[in-house]
Amino acid sequence: MPRWGMAVDLEKCTGCQTCSVACKVENALGPNTDRVVVVEKETGEYPNVRRIHIPKRCMNCADPKCIDVCPSGATRQRDDGIVIVERDTCIGCRYCAVACPYNARVFHAIEQSYHSSPSKWETRRYKEHTVGVVGKCDFCKSRIDEGLRNGLQPGVDPDATPMCVISCIGSALYFGDLDDPATEVAQVIESRGGVQFLPEMQTDPSIYYLPRRP
């Protein structure tokens, strides 16, 4: 069984926000809901200042603390490592949001629309999100599952790969099986010394960040 994961190249990311927009379109997210957030950070002192852009999303941890605190069992982990939320079971308590060290949960508090009169697309797709429940990045699991059923390889074939990855104009995102050393994502993490956020939390995130080279 693969363990799906991602690598983010901080050297290539330009902060264009394409991943954020692609995620919103693919998952029909309203104007106040973002599953992918690009954080800007400056390092150094004038005039030697560098700006870095850090795309953040749910880390789909191997040892997710959000599961431990979920009283309804709505948050669970699939065999391939992806952490999902069952919207029909979620009671909206948001314990998971408190437990998440990466601030990666979003709460769908109210109906949202970009237009005063929702478009046909909004009317149809927004029904996928139940008011009063929590959502998160799940690596576009529907794309992965459908691709695998059609004999495609996630991280290689676009139709089986998360939308943010195939939309990135800087080719800064890699996706695939972390446990397979032959995959590009595993190789780039090894060669570039990929690091995880907050390793001291002992969650073993499935997203690695590739640091800028000198």
N, C-alpha and C. Protein backbone atom coordinates (compact mmCIF):
# COMPACT_ATOMS: atom_id res chain seq x y z
N MET A 1 0.84 -1.19 0.00
CA MET A 1 0.00 0.00 0.00
C MET A 1 0.88 1.25 0.00
N PRO A 2 0.65 2.17 -0.93
CA PRO A 2 1.46 3.38 -0.97
C PRO A 2 1.13 4.33 0.19
N ARG A 3 2.04 5.22 0.46
CA ARG A 3 1.76 6.33 1.38
C ARG A 3 1.92 7.61 0.56
N TRP A 4 0.80 8.23 0.23
CA TRP A 4 0.84 9.40 -0.63
C TRP A 4 1.38 10.61 0.13
N GLY A 5 2.23 11.37 -0.55
CA GLY A 5 2.81 12.56 0.07
C GLY A 5 3.28 13.55 -0.96
N MET A 6 3.77 14.66 -0.47
CA MET A 6 4.10 15.78 -1.35
C MET A 6 5.42 16.42 -0.92
N ALA A 7 6.10 17.02 -1.88
CA ALA A 7 7.27 17.84 -1.61
C ALA A 7 7.04 19.21 -2.20
N VAL A 8 7.43 20.24 -1.46
CA VAL A 8 7.27 21.63 -1.90
C VAL A 8 8.65 22.25 -2.04
N ASP A 9 8.97 22.68 -3.25
CA ASP A 9 10.28 23.28 -3.52
C ASP A 9 10.22 24.78 -3.24
N LEU A 10 10.80 25.19 -2.13
CA LEU A 10 10.76 26.60 -1.74
C LEU A 10 11.64 27.46 -2.64
N GLU A 11 12.48 26.84 -3.43
CA GLU A 11 13.31 27.58 -4.37
C GLU A 11 12.51 27.96 -5.61
N LYS A 12 11.54 27.13 -5.97
CA LYS A 12 10.75 27.36 -7.18
C LYS A 12 9.47 28.15 -6.93
N CYS A 13 8.93 28.06 -5.72
CA CYS A 13 7.64 28.70 -5.44
C CYS A 13 7.78 30.22 -5.55
N THR A 14 6.90 30.84 -6.34
CA THR A 14 6.93 32.29 -6.56
C THR A 14 5.84 33.02 -5.79
N GLY A 15 5.02 32.27 -5.06
CA GLY A 15 3.94 32.91 -4.32
C GLY A 15 2.80 33.39 -5.18
N CYS A 16 2.61 32.76 -6.33
CA CYS A 16 1.60 33.22 -7.29
C CYS A 16 0.18 32.90 -6.87
N GLN A 17 0.01 32.00 -5.90
CA GLN A 17 -1.30 31.60 -5.37
C GLN A 17 -2.11 30.71 -6.33
N THR A 18 -1.49 30.24 -7.42
CA THR A 18 -2.22 29.38 -8.35
C THR A 18 -2.71 28.11 -7.65
N CYS A 19 -1.92 27.56 -6.76
CA CYS A 19 -2.33 26.35 -6.04
C CYS A 19 -3.57 26.61 -5.21
N SER A 20 -3.64 27.78 -4.60
CA SER A 20 -4.81 28.13 -3.78
C SER A 20 -6.07 28.23 -4.64
N VAL A 21 -5.93 28.90 -5.79
CA VAL A 21 -7.07 29.08 -6.68
C VAL A 21 -7.50 27.74 -7.28
N ALA A 22 -6.53 26.93 -7.69
CA ALA A 22 -6.83 25.63 -8.28
C ALA A 22 -7.57 24.75 -7.28
N CYS A 23 -7.17 24.82 -6.02
CA CYS A 23 -7.82 24.04 -4.98
C CYS A 23 -9.26 24.50 -4.79
N LYS A 24 -9.49 25.82 -4.80
CA LYS A 24 -10.84 26.34 -4.61
C LYS A 24 -11.76 25.91 -5.74
N VAL A 25 -11.24 25.93 -6.98
CA VAL A 25 -12.07 25.54 -8.12
C VAL A 25 -12.35 24.04 -8.10
N GLU A 26 -11.31 23.25 -7.89
CA GLU A 26 -11.47 21.80 -7.90
C GLU A 26 -12.44 21.32 -6.83
N ASN A 27 -12.37 21.96 -5.65
CA ASN A 27 -13.17 21.51 -4.53
C ASN A 27 -14.40 22.38 -4.27
N ALA A 28 -14.67 23.31 -5.16
CA ALA A 28 -15.86 24.18 -5.06
C ALA A 28 -15.92 24.88 -3.71
N LEU A 29 -14.83 25.53 -3.33
CA LEU A 29 -14.78 26.22 -2.04
C LEU A 29 -15.28 27.65 -2.19
N GLY A 30 -16.00 28.11 -1.20
CA GLY A 30 -16.55 29.46 -1.23
C GLY A 30 -15.49 30.52 -0.98
N PRO A 31 -15.90 31.80 -1.02
CA PRO A 31 -14.94 32.91 -0.93
C PRO A 31 -14.19 33.00 0.40
N ASN A 32 -14.76 32.47 1.46
CA ASN A 32 -14.12 32.56 2.77
C ASN A 32 -13.50 31.24 3.22
N THR A 33 -13.30 30.33 2.28
CA THR A 33 -12.76 29.01 2.61
C THR A 33 -11.52 28.73 1.77
N ASP A 34 -10.41 28.48 2.44
CA ASP A 34 -9.15 28.18 1.76
C ASP A 34 -8.51 26.95 2.40
N ARG A 35 -8.25 25.95 1.59
CA ARG A 35 -7.55 24.76 2.10
C ARG A 35 -6.05 24.86 1.88
N VAL A 36 -5.64 25.72 0.94
CA VAL A 36 -4.22 25.96 0.68
C VAL A 36 -3.95 27.45 0.88
N VAL A 37 -2.99 27.76 1.73
CA VAL A 37 -2.63 29.14 2.02
C VAL A 37 -1.14 29.31 1.77
N VAL A 38 -0.77 30.37 1.05
CA VAL A 38 0.63 30.64 0.77
C VAL A 38 1.10 31.76 1.70
N VAL A 39 2.04 31.42 2.57
CA VAL A 39 2.56 32.37 3.56
C VAL A 39 3.85 32.98 3.02
N GLU A 40 4.00 34.30 3.21
CA GLU A 40 5.22 34.99 2.80
C GLU A 40 6.08 35.28 4.04
N LYS A 41 7.37 35.07 3.88
CA LYS A 41 8.29 35.31 4.99
C LYS A 41 9.56 35.96 4.46
N GLU A 42 10.04 36.98 5.14
CA GLU A 42 11.29 37.64 4.77
C GLU A 42 12.38 37.25 5.76
N THR A 43 13.56 37.03 5.22
CA THR A 43 14.71 36.70 6.06
C THR A 43 15.86 37.65 5.75
N GLY A 44 16.76 37.80 6.68
CA GLY A 44 17.91 38.67 6.48
C GLY A 44 17.64 40.10 6.91
N GLU A 45 18.61 40.96 6.68
CA GLU A 45 18.51 42.38 7.01
C GLU A 45 18.85 43.22 5.79
N TYR A 46 18.20 44.36 5.69
CA TYR A 46 18.44 45.27 4.56
C TYR A 46 19.92 45.62 4.47
N PRO A 47 20.50 45.59 3.27
CA PRO A 47 19.87 45.37 1.96
C PRO A 47 19.88 43.90 1.52
N ASN A 48 20.35 43.02 2.38
CA ASN A 48 20.43 41.60 2.02
C ASN A 48 19.20 40.86 2.55
N VAL A 49 18.09 41.11 1.89
CA VAL A 49 16.82 40.53 2.31
C VAL A 49 16.34 39.54 1.25
N ARG A 50 15.82 38.42 1.71
CA ARG A 50 15.25 37.42 0.81
C ARG A 50 13.82 37.14 1.24
N ARG A 51 12.97 36.96 0.27
CA ARG A 51 11.58 36.63 0.55
C ARG A 51 11.32 35.19 0.13
N ILE A 52 10.62 34.49 0.98
CA ILE A 52 10.32 33.09 0.71
C ILE A 52 8.81 32.90 0.80
N HIS A 53 8.29 32.04 -0.07
CA HIS A 53 6.85 31.75 -0.09
C HIS A 53 6.65 30.29 0.32
N ILE A 54 5.74 30.08 1.26
CA ILE A 54 5.55 28.75 1.82
C ILE A 54 4.09 28.33 1.67
N PRO A 55 3.78 27.47 0.70
CA PRO A 55 2.42 26.94 0.59
C PRO A 55 2.13 25.97 1.73
N LYS A 56 1.01 26.19 2.42
CA LYS A 56 0.65 25.34 3.55
C LYS A 56 -0.73 24.74 3.34
N ARG A 57 -0.89 23.52 3.79
CA ARG A 57 -2.15 22.79 3.71
C ARG A 57 -2.12 21.70 4.76
N CYS A 58 -3.18 20.91 4.85
CA CYS A 58 -3.15 19.78 5.78
C CYS A 58 -1.98 18.88 5.43
N MET A 59 -1.25 18.46 6.46
CA MET A 59 -0.06 17.66 6.25
C MET A 59 -0.36 16.17 6.09
N ASN A 60 -1.62 15.77 6.27
CA ASN A 60 -1.99 14.35 6.17
C ASN A 60 -0.96 13.48 6.90
N CYS A 61 -0.80 13.78 8.17
CA CYS A 61 0.25 13.17 8.99
C CYS A 61 0.10 11.66 9.10
N ALA A 62 1.22 11.00 9.27
CA ALA A 62 1.19 9.56 9.50
C ALA A 62 0.64 9.25 10.89
N ASP A 63 0.86 10.18 11.84
CA ASP A 63 0.34 10.03 13.20
C ASP A 63 -0.49 11.27 13.54
N PRO A 64 -1.66 11.40 12.94
CA PRO A 64 -2.46 12.62 13.09
C PRO A 64 -3.11 12.76 14.46
N LYS A 65 -2.84 13.87 15.12
CA LYS A 65 -3.41 14.12 16.44
C LYS A 65 -4.90 14.45 16.35
N CYS A 66 -5.35 14.90 15.19
CA CYS A 66 -6.76 15.25 15.03
C CYS A 66 -7.67 14.04 15.19
N ILE A 67 -7.19 12.88 14.82
CA ILE A 67 -8.00 11.66 14.96
C ILE A 67 -8.22 11.32 16.42
N ASP A 68 -7.20 11.54 17.24
CA ASP A 68 -7.28 11.18 18.65
C ASP A 68 -8.36 11.95 19.39
N VAL A 69 -8.65 13.19 18.94
CA VAL A 69 -9.58 14.03 19.69
C VAL A 69 -10.98 14.06 19.09
N CYS A 70 -11.18 13.47 17.93
CA CYS A 70 -12.48 13.53 17.27
C CYS A 70 -13.48 12.64 18.00
N PRO A 71 -14.53 13.23 18.62
CA PRO A 71 -15.46 12.42 19.42
C PRO A 71 -16.45 11.59 18.60
N SER A 72 -16.64 11.98 17.34
CA SER A 72 -17.64 11.27 16.52
C SER A 72 -17.03 10.25 15.58
N GLY A 73 -15.71 10.25 15.46
CA GLY A 73 -15.05 9.35 14.53
C GLY A 73 -15.11 9.82 13.09
N ALA A 74 -15.47 11.09 12.89
CA ALA A 74 -15.58 11.63 11.54
C ALA A 74 -14.22 11.76 10.87
N THR A 75 -13.21 12.05 11.65
CA THR A 75 -11.85 12.14 11.13
C THR A 75 -11.19 10.76 11.22
N ARG A 76 -10.77 10.26 10.09
CA ARG A 76 -10.12 8.95 10.09
C ARG A 76 -9.02 8.92 9.02
N GLN A 77 -8.21 7.90 9.11
CA GLN A 77 -7.08 7.78 8.19
C GLN A 77 -7.26 6.56 7.29
N ARG A 78 -7.09 6.77 6.00
CA ARG A 78 -7.18 5.66 5.05
C ARG A 78 -5.89 4.84 5.09
N ASP A 79 -5.95 3.68 4.48
CA ASP A 79 -4.77 2.81 4.44
C ASP A 79 -3.60 3.45 3.70
N ASP A 80 -3.91 4.37 2.77
CA ASP A 80 -2.83 5.02 2.02
C ASP A 80 -2.30 6.27 2.71
N GLY A 81 -2.72 6.49 3.95
CA GLY A 81 -2.20 7.60 4.75
C GLY A 81 -3.00 8.88 4.69
N ILE A 82 -3.92 9.02 3.74
CA ILE A 82 -4.70 10.24 3.62
C ILE A 82 -5.70 10.34 4.77
N VAL A 83 -5.73 11.49 5.42
CA VAL A 83 -6.65 11.75 6.51
C VAL A 83 -7.89 12.44 5.93
N ILE A 84 -9.05 11.89 6.22
CA ILE A 84 -10.28 12.43 5.65
C ILE A 84 -11.28 12.76 6.75
N VAL A 85 -12.29 13.56 6.38
CA VAL A 85 -13.37 13.91 7.28
C VAL A 85 -14.69 13.44 6.66
N GLU A 86 -15.41 12.60 7.36
CA GLU A 86 -16.72 12.15 6.91
C GLU A 86 -17.75 13.22 7.28
N ARG A 87 -18.23 13.97 6.29
CA ARG A 87 -19.09 15.11 6.60
C ARG A 87 -20.42 14.70 7.22
N ASP A 88 -20.88 13.49 6.94
CA ASP A 88 -22.15 13.04 7.52
C ASP A 88 -22.00 12.66 8.99
N THR A 89 -20.77 12.50 9.43
CA THR A 89 -20.51 12.11 10.81
C THR A 89 -19.99 13.26 11.65
N CYS A 90 -19.37 14.26 11.00
CA CYS A 90 -18.80 15.40 11.70
C CYS A 90 -19.89 16.19 12.43
N ILE A 91 -19.65 16.52 13.69
CA ILE A 91 -20.62 17.29 14.47
C ILE A 91 -20.22 18.75 14.63
N GLY A 92 -19.12 19.14 14.01
CA GLY A 92 -18.71 20.54 14.02
C GLY A 92 -18.14 21.04 15.33
N CYS A 93 -17.64 20.15 16.18
CA CYS A 93 -17.10 20.58 17.47
C CYS A 93 -15.77 21.31 17.34
N ARG A 94 -15.05 21.02 16.27
CA ARG A 94 -13.77 21.65 15.94
C ARG A 94 -12.66 21.30 16.92
N TYR A 95 -12.78 20.18 17.62
CA TYR A 95 -11.66 19.72 18.44
C TYR A 95 -10.44 19.46 17.56
N CYS A 96 -10.70 18.96 16.35
CA CYS A 96 -9.60 18.66 15.43
C CYS A 96 -8.81 19.90 15.08
N ALA A 97 -9.52 21.03 14.93
CA ALA A 97 -8.85 22.29 14.59
C ALA A 97 -7.93 22.74 15.71
N VAL A 98 -8.37 22.50 16.95
CA VAL A 98 -7.55 22.86 18.10
C VAL A 98 -6.33 21.95 18.20
N ALA A 99 -6.53 20.68 17.91
CA ALA A 99 -5.44 19.70 18.05
C ALA A 99 -4.42 19.80 16.92
N CYS A 100 -4.81 20.33 15.77
CA CYS A 100 -3.91 20.38 14.61
C CYS A 100 -2.80 21.40 14.84
N PRO A 101 -1.54 20.99 14.84
CA PRO A 101 -0.44 21.93 15.05
C PRO A 101 -0.16 22.80 13.83
N TYR A 102 -0.82 22.51 12.71
CA TYR A 102 -0.54 23.24 11.47
C TYR A 102 -1.67 24.19 11.08
N ASN A 103 -2.68 24.30 11.93
CA ASN A 103 -3.80 25.21 11.67
C ASN A 103 -4.39 24.96 10.28
N ALA A 104 -4.62 23.69 9.97
CA ALA A 104 -4.98 23.29 8.61
C ALA A 104 -6.45 22.96 8.42
N ARG A 105 -7.26 23.08 9.47
CA ARG A 105 -8.68 22.77 9.35
C ARG A 105 -9.48 24.03 9.02
N VAL A 106 -10.52 23.87 8.23
CA VAL A 106 -11.42 24.99 7.91
C VAL A 106 -12.84 24.58 8.28
N PHE A 107 -13.58 25.53 8.86
CA PHE A 107 -14.94 25.27 9.31
C PHE A 107 -15.93 25.95 8.37
N HIS A 108 -16.85 25.17 7.85
CA HIS A 108 -17.85 25.70 6.92
C HIS A 108 -19.02 26.21 7.76
N ALA A 109 -18.95 27.48 8.15
CA ALA A 109 -19.91 28.03 9.10
C ALA A 109 -21.22 28.45 8.46
N ILE A 110 -21.15 29.02 7.26
CA ILE A 110 -22.35 29.53 6.60
C ILE A 110 -22.28 29.22 5.11
N GLU A 111 -23.42 29.31 4.45
CA GLU A 111 -23.44 29.18 3.00
C GLU A 111 -22.67 30.35 2.39
N GLN A 112 -21.88 30.06 1.37
CA GLN A 112 -21.06 31.09 0.74
C GLN A 112 -21.31 31.14 -0.76
N SER A 113 -21.10 32.31 -1.33
CA SER A 113 -21.24 32.49 -2.77
C SER A 113 -20.45 33.71 -3.20
N TYR A 114 -19.89 33.64 -4.39
CA TYR A 114 -19.18 34.79 -4.94
C TYR A 114 -20.14 35.78 -5.59
N HIS A 115 -21.39 35.40 -5.77
CA HIS A 115 -22.37 36.25 -6.44
C HIS A 115 -23.61 36.41 -5.56
N SER A 116 -24.27 37.56 -5.69
CA SER A 116 -25.49 37.79 -4.91
C SER A 116 -26.55 36.76 -5.26
N SER A 117 -26.58 36.38 -6.53
CA SER A 117 -27.43 35.28 -6.97
C SER A 117 -26.51 34.15 -7.41
N PRO A 118 -26.41 33.07 -6.64
CA PRO A 118 -25.47 32.00 -6.97
C PRO A 118 -25.63 31.49 -8.39
N SER A 119 -24.50 31.27 -9.05
CA SER A 119 -24.51 30.73 -10.40
C SER A 119 -24.96 29.28 -10.38
N LYS A 120 -25.23 28.73 -11.55
CA LYS A 120 -25.62 27.31 -11.62
C LYS A 120 -24.51 26.43 -11.09
N TRP A 121 -23.27 26.79 -11.39
CA TRP A 121 -22.12 26.01 -10.90
C TRP A 121 -22.07 26.03 -9.38
N GLU A 122 -22.25 27.23 -8.78
CA GLU A 122 -22.23 27.33 -7.34
C GLU A 122 -23.39 26.56 -6.71
N THR A 123 -24.57 26.72 -7.28
CA THR A 123 -25.75 26.04 -6.74
C THR A 123 -25.56 24.53 -6.73
N ARG A 124 -24.93 24.01 -7.76
CA ARG A 124 -24.72 22.56 -7.85
C ARG A 124 -23.58 22.09 -6.97
N ARG A 125 -22.43 22.76 -7.02
CA ARG A 125 -21.24 22.26 -6.34
C ARG A 125 -21.19 22.57 -4.86
N TYR A 126 -21.79 23.68 -4.45
CA TYR A 126 -21.69 24.04 -3.03
C TYR A 126 -22.45 23.06 -2.15
N LYS A 127 -23.33 22.25 -2.76
CA LYS A 127 -24.04 21.23 -1.99
C LYS A 127 -23.08 20.15 -1.46
N GLU A 128 -21.87 20.14 -2.01
CA GLU A 128 -20.88 19.16 -1.56
C GLU A 128 -20.35 19.49 -0.16
N HIS A 129 -20.62 20.71 0.30
CA HIS A 129 -20.11 21.15 1.59
C HIS A 129 -21.27 21.42 2.55
N THR A 130 -21.29 20.70 3.64
CA THR A 130 -22.37 20.83 4.60
C THR A 130 -22.04 21.91 5.62
N VAL A 131 -22.97 22.83 5.82
CA VAL A 131 -22.78 23.86 6.83
C VAL A 131 -22.67 23.22 8.21
N GLY A 132 -21.69 23.70 8.99
CA GLY A 132 -21.52 23.19 10.34
C GLY A 132 -20.53 22.06 10.46
N VAL A 133 -19.79 21.77 9.39
CA VAL A 133 -18.79 20.70 9.47
C VAL A 133 -17.42 21.25 9.09
N VAL A 134 -16.41 20.44 9.35
CA VAL A 134 -15.02 20.83 9.11
C VAL A 134 -14.52 20.21 7.81
N GLY A 135 -13.67 20.94 7.11
CA GLY A 135 -13.06 20.42 5.89
C GLY A 135 -11.55 20.58 5.94
N LYS A 136 -10.87 19.97 4.97
CA LYS A 136 -9.41 20.01 4.93
C LYS A 136 -8.91 19.49 3.60
N CYS A 137 -7.64 19.72 3.32
CA CYS A 137 -7.02 19.13 2.14
C CYS A 137 -6.93 17.61 2.32
N ASP A 138 -7.36 16.89 1.30
CA ASP A 138 -7.24 15.42 1.33
C ASP A 138 -6.49 14.92 0.10
N PHE A 139 -5.58 15.78 -0.40
CA PHE A 139 -4.77 15.41 -1.58
C PHE A 139 -5.64 15.09 -2.79
N CYS A 140 -6.83 15.72 -2.87
CA CYS A 140 -7.76 15.45 -3.98
C CYS A 140 -7.97 13.94 -4.12
N LYS A 141 -8.41 13.32 -3.03
CA LYS A 141 -8.53 11.86 -3.00
C LYS A 141 -9.42 11.30 -4.10
N SER A 142 -10.42 12.06 -4.52
CA SER A 142 -11.30 11.57 -5.59
C SER A 142 -10.54 11.43 -6.90
N ARG A 143 -9.59 12.34 -7.15
CA ARG A 143 -8.76 12.25 -8.35
C ARG A 143 -7.83 11.05 -8.26
N ILE A 144 -7.26 10.83 -7.09
CA ILE A 144 -6.37 9.69 -6.89
C ILE A 144 -7.13 8.38 -7.09
N ASP A 145 -8.28 8.27 -6.44
CA ASP A 145 -9.05 7.02 -6.50
C ASP A 145 -9.53 6.73 -7.91
N GLU A 146 -10.03 7.75 -8.59
CA GLU A 146 -10.52 7.55 -9.95
C GLU A 146 -9.36 7.20 -10.88
N GLY A 147 -8.23 7.87 -10.69
CA GLY A 147 -7.07 7.58 -11.52
C GLY A 147 -6.58 6.15 -11.35
N LEU A 148 -6.53 5.70 -10.11
CA LEU A 148 -6.08 4.33 -9.85
C LEU A 148 -7.03 3.31 -10.47
N ARG A 149 -8.33 3.59 -10.43
CA ARG A 149 -9.29 2.68 -11.06
C ARG A 149 -9.08 2.59 -12.56
N ASN A 150 -8.53 3.66 -13.13
CA ASN A 150 -8.28 3.70 -14.57
C ASN A 150 -6.85 3.33 -14.93
N GLY A 151 -6.12 2.80 -13.97
CA GLY A 151 -4.76 2.34 -14.24
C GLY A 151 -3.73 3.44 -14.32
N LEU A 152 -4.02 4.62 -13.76
CA LEU A 152 -3.10 5.74 -13.81
C LEU A 152 -2.23 5.78 -12.55
N GLN A 153 -1.14 6.53 -12.64
CA GLN A 153 -0.20 6.62 -11.52
C GLN A 153 -0.22 8.02 -10.94
N PRO A 154 -0.66 8.17 -9.69
CA PRO A 154 -0.64 9.49 -9.04
C PRO A 154 0.77 10.06 -8.99
N GLY A 155 0.87 11.33 -9.30
CA GLY A 155 2.18 11.98 -9.33
C GLY A 155 2.84 11.93 -10.68
N VAL A 156 2.32 11.08 -11.56
CA VAL A 156 2.85 10.96 -12.93
C VAL A 156 1.78 11.37 -13.94
N ASP A 157 0.62 10.76 -13.81
CA ASP A 157 -0.49 11.07 -14.71
C ASP A 157 -1.34 12.20 -14.13
N PRO A 158 -1.53 13.29 -14.87
CA PRO A 158 -2.26 14.45 -14.34
C PRO A 158 -3.65 14.12 -13.80
N ASP A 159 -4.38 13.22 -14.46
CA ASP A 159 -5.74 12.93 -14.03
C ASP A 159 -5.81 12.16 -12.71
N ALA A 160 -4.66 11.72 -12.20
CA ALA A 160 -4.63 11.00 -10.93
C ALA A 160 -3.85 11.77 -9.87
N THR A 161 -3.58 13.04 -10.13
CA THR A 161 -2.70 13.85 -9.29
C THR A 161 -3.47 15.04 -8.72
N PRO A 162 -3.18 15.47 -7.48
CA PRO A 162 -3.86 16.63 -6.91
C PRO A 162 -3.80 17.84 -7.84
N MET A 163 -4.91 18.58 -7.87
CA MET A 163 -5.02 19.70 -8.81
C MET A 163 -3.97 20.77 -8.56
N CYS A 164 -3.61 21.00 -7.31
CA CYS A 164 -2.61 22.03 -7.03
C CYS A 164 -1.27 21.69 -7.67
N VAL A 165 -0.95 20.40 -7.70
CA VAL A 165 0.34 19.96 -8.24
C VAL A 165 0.41 20.20 -9.75
N ILE A 166 -0.63 19.80 -10.45
CA ILE A 166 -0.60 19.93 -11.91
C ILE A 166 -0.84 21.37 -12.36
N SER A 167 -1.31 22.23 -11.46
CA SER A 167 -1.58 23.62 -11.81
C SER A 167 -0.41 24.54 -11.50
N CYS A 168 0.55 24.08 -10.70
CA CYS A 168 1.66 24.94 -10.28
C CYS A 168 2.49 25.40 -11.47
N ILE A 169 2.53 26.71 -11.69
CA ILE A 169 3.23 27.25 -12.86
C ILE A 169 4.74 27.20 -12.69
N GLY A 170 5.20 27.04 -11.45
CA GLY A 170 6.64 26.96 -11.22
C GLY A 170 7.15 25.55 -11.06
N SER A 171 6.27 24.57 -11.22
CA SER A 171 6.63 23.15 -11.03
C SER A 171 7.30 22.95 -9.67
N ALA A 172 6.73 23.61 -8.66
CA ALA A 172 7.32 23.56 -7.32
C ALA A 172 6.76 22.45 -6.46
N LEU A 173 5.75 21.73 -6.96
CA LEU A 173 5.11 20.70 -6.16
C LEU A 173 5.33 19.32 -6.78
N TYR A 174 5.66 18.36 -5.93
CA TYR A 174 5.86 16.97 -6.34
C TYR A 174 4.91 16.10 -5.52
N PHE A 175 4.41 15.05 -6.15
CA PHE A 175 3.48 14.18 -5.45
C PHE A 175 3.73 12.73 -5.84
N GLY A 176 3.49 11.83 -4.90
CA GLY A 176 3.65 10.42 -5.21
C GLY A 176 3.75 9.59 -3.95
N ASP A 177 4.24 8.37 -4.11
CA ASP A 177 4.36 7.42 -3.01
C ASP A 177 5.67 7.67 -2.26
N LEU A 178 5.55 8.11 -1.02
CA LEU A 178 6.75 8.40 -0.23
C LEU A 178 7.55 7.15 0.09
N ASP A 179 6.88 6.01 0.11
CA ASP A 179 7.55 4.76 0.48
C ASP A 179 8.21 4.05 -0.70
N ASP A 180 8.06 4.61 -1.89
CA ASP A 180 8.67 4.01 -3.08
C ASP A 180 9.87 4.87 -3.50
N PRO A 181 11.10 4.39 -3.28
CA PRO A 181 12.29 5.19 -3.60
C PRO A 181 12.44 5.50 -5.08
N ALA A 182 11.65 4.84 -5.92
CA ALA A 182 11.75 5.08 -7.36
C ALA A 182 10.92 6.28 -7.80
N THR A 183 10.03 6.78 -6.94
CA THR A 183 9.18 7.91 -7.33
C THR A 183 9.98 9.21 -7.28
N GLU A 184 9.54 10.15 -8.10
CA GLU A 184 10.23 11.45 -8.16
C GLU A 184 10.17 12.17 -6.82
N VAL A 185 9.02 12.08 -6.15
CA VAL A 185 8.88 12.80 -4.89
C VAL A 185 9.84 12.25 -3.84
N ALA A 186 10.00 10.94 -3.78
CA ALA A 186 10.93 10.35 -2.82
C ALA A 186 12.37 10.72 -3.14
N GLN A 187 12.68 10.74 -4.42
CA GLN A 187 14.05 11.05 -4.84
C GLN A 187 14.42 12.50 -4.57
N VAL A 188 13.47 13.42 -4.81
CA VAL A 188 13.78 14.83 -4.62
C VAL A 188 13.88 15.16 -3.13
N ILE A 189 13.09 14.48 -2.31
CA ILE A 189 13.20 14.67 -0.86
C ILE A 189 14.57 14.20 -0.38
N GLU A 190 15.03 13.07 -0.90
CA GLU A 190 16.33 12.53 -0.51
C GLU A 190 17.47 13.42 -1.00
N SER A 191 17.41 13.83 -2.26
CA SER A 191 18.53 14.58 -2.84
C SER A 191 18.62 16.01 -2.32
N ARG A 192 17.47 16.60 -1.98
CA ARG A 192 17.47 18.00 -1.54
C ARG A 192 17.37 18.14 -0.02
N GLY A 193 17.32 17.04 0.67
CA GLY A 193 17.25 17.12 2.13
C GLY A 193 15.94 17.72 2.60
N GLY A 194 14.83 17.19 2.10
CA GLY A 194 13.52 17.70 2.47
C GLY A 194 13.28 17.64 3.98
N VAL A 195 12.61 18.65 4.50
CA VAL A 195 12.34 18.73 5.94
C VAL A 195 10.84 18.82 6.19
N GLN A 196 10.41 18.36 7.34
CA GLN A 196 9.02 18.43 7.76
C GLN A 196 8.83 19.61 8.71
N PHE A 197 7.62 20.17 8.71
CA PHE A 197 7.29 21.23 9.66
C PHE A 197 7.04 20.64 11.05
N LEU A 198 7.53 21.34 12.05
CA LEU A 198 7.28 20.99 13.44
C LEU A 198 7.52 19.51 13.74
N PRO A 199 8.70 19.01 13.46
CA PRO A 199 8.97 17.59 13.74
C PRO A 199 8.84 17.26 15.23
N GLU A 200 8.98 18.28 16.07
CA GLU A 200 8.89 18.03 17.50
C GLU A 200 7.48 17.64 17.94
N MET A 201 6.49 17.85 17.06
CA MET A 201 5.13 17.44 17.38
C MET A 201 4.91 15.95 17.17
N GLN A 202 5.86 15.30 16.54
CA GLN A 202 5.86 13.84 16.33
C GLN A 202 4.60 13.36 15.60
N THR A 203 4.21 14.11 14.56
CA THR A 203 3.07 13.71 13.75
C THR A 203 3.49 13.06 12.43
N ASP A 204 4.77 13.17 12.08
CA ASP A 204 5.30 12.61 10.83
C ASP A 204 4.48 13.08 9.63
N PRO A 205 4.54 14.38 9.29
CA PRO A 205 3.78 14.92 8.16
C PRO A 205 4.14 14.24 6.85
N SER A 206 3.16 14.18 5.95
CA SER A 206 3.39 13.60 4.62
C SER A 206 3.77 14.66 3.60
N ILE A 207 4.07 15.86 4.07
CA ILE A 207 4.54 16.93 3.19
C ILE A 207 5.93 17.35 3.66
N TYR A 208 6.85 17.40 2.70
CA TYR A 208 8.21 17.82 2.97
C TYR A 208 8.50 19.11 2.22
N TYR A 209 9.34 19.94 2.80
CA TYR A 209 9.73 21.20 2.18
C TYR A 209 11.20 21.14 1.79
N LEU A 210 11.45 21.49 0.53
CA LEU A 210 12.82 21.47 0.01
C LEU A 210 13.43 22.85 0.18
N PRO A 211 14.43 22.99 1.03
CA PRO A 211 15.00 24.32 1.34
C PRO A 211 15.73 24.91 0.15
N ARG A 212 15.80 26.22 0.15
CA ARG A 212 16.59 26.90 -0.89
C ARG A 212 18.06 26.55 -0.73
N ARG A 213 18.72 26.45 -1.86
CA ARG A 213 20.16 26.18 -1.84
C ARG A 213 20.92 27.50 -1.77
N PRO A 214 22.12 27.50 -1.17
CA PRO A 214 22.90 28.75 -1.05
C PRO A 214 23.16 29.37 -2.41
